[in-house]
Amino acid sequence: GVQGKVFVAFTVKSSGQVADATVKRGVRADLDAEALRMVRAMPNWKPAQSGGKAEDAQMTLPIAFQLQ
């Protein structure tokens, strides 16, 4: 069994779209690729706001895998 967390960093644009996804810390090439695929396939997020105006925001998301 393979297990571990893949950390994916990305930008949530002011429009809510996910962009510039990269693996910051990976486990294995196939798991890293799957984590990137999942992040890129996510629906739009609610964008960050500053002073009532939508802004780009950097996010890092840990994705845990546990394969048997």
Protein backbone atom coordinates (compact mmCIF):
# COMPACT_ATOMS: atom_id res chain seq x y z
CA GLY A 1 0.00 0.00 0.00
CA VAL A 2 1.12 3.48 -0.86
CA GLN A 3 0.14 6.42 1.27
CA GLY A 4 1.11 10.02 1.77
CA LYS A 5 0.11 13.64 1.20
CA VAL A 6 0.69 15.57 -1.99
CA PHE A 7 0.82 19.33 -1.46
CA VAL A 8 -0.49 21.29 -4.44
CA ALA A 9 -0.08 25.07 -4.64
CA PHE A 10 -2.34 27.10 -6.92
CA THR A 11 -3.83 30.54 -7.46
CA VAL A 12 -7.50 31.33 -7.10
CA LYS A 13 -8.03 34.17 -9.56
CA SER A 14 -10.36 37.09 -8.86
CA SER A 15 -12.85 35.36 -11.21
CA GLY A 16 -12.74 32.25 -8.97
CA GLN A 17 -10.86 30.08 -11.49
CA VAL A 18 -8.05 27.81 -10.33
CA ALA A 19 -4.77 28.54 -12.14
CA ASP A 20 -1.04 27.76 -12.01
CA ALA A 21 -1.33 24.47 -10.09
CA THR A 22 2.03 22.93 -9.15
CA VAL A 23 3.14 20.14 -6.85
CA LYS A 24 5.11 21.56 -3.92
CA ARG A 25 5.76 18.24 -2.20
CA GLY A 26 4.95 14.95 -3.84
CA VAL A 27 4.78 11.27 -2.99
CA ARG A 28 5.13 9.44 -6.29
CA ALA A 29 4.82 10.55 -9.93
CA ASP A 30 1.43 8.91 -10.52
CA LEU A 31 -0.07 10.28 -7.29
CA ASP A 32 1.36 13.74 -7.99
CA ALA A 33 -0.24 13.70 -11.47
CA GLU A 34 -3.60 12.63 -10.03
CA ALA A 35 -3.50 15.38 -7.40
CA LEU A 36 -2.82 17.98 -10.13
CA ARG A 37 -5.66 16.57 -12.23
CA MET A 38 -8.05 16.83 -9.28
CA VAL A 39 -7.10 20.43 -8.50
CA ARG A 40 -7.37 21.52 -12.14
CA ALA A 41 -10.82 19.88 -12.40
CA MET A 42 -12.24 21.67 -9.34
CA PRO A 43 -15.18 24.03 -9.88
CA ASN A 44 -14.64 27.74 -9.41
CA TRP A 45 -13.90 28.94 -5.88
CA LYS A 46 -15.28 31.98 -4.15
CA PRO A 47 -12.46 34.51 -4.63
CA ALA A 48 -10.67 36.32 -1.81
CA GLN A 49 -11.87 39.83 -1.06
CA SER A 50 -10.02 42.90 0.11
CA GLY A 51 -11.91 46.10 0.67
CA GLY A 52 -14.97 44.59 -0.99
CA LYS A 53 -13.05 43.85 -4.20
CA ALA A 54 -12.18 40.36 -5.47
CA GLU A 55 -8.45 39.56 -5.59
CA ASP A 56 -6.15 36.72 -6.61
CA ALA A 57 -5.06 34.49 -3.71
CA GLN A 58 -2.41 31.77 -3.32
CA MET A 59 -3.53 28.49 -1.80
CA THR A 60 -1.81 25.24 -0.81
CA LEU A 61 -3.98 22.16 -0.56
CA PRO A 62 -2.82 18.88 1.01
CA ILE A 63 -4.35 15.84 -0.71
CA ALA A 64 -4.04 12.58 1.23
CA PHE A 65 -3.74 9.25 -0.56
CA GLN A 66 -4.06 5.81 0.99
CA LEU A 67 -3.96 2.97 -1.53
CA GLN A 68 -4.29 -0.65 -0.57
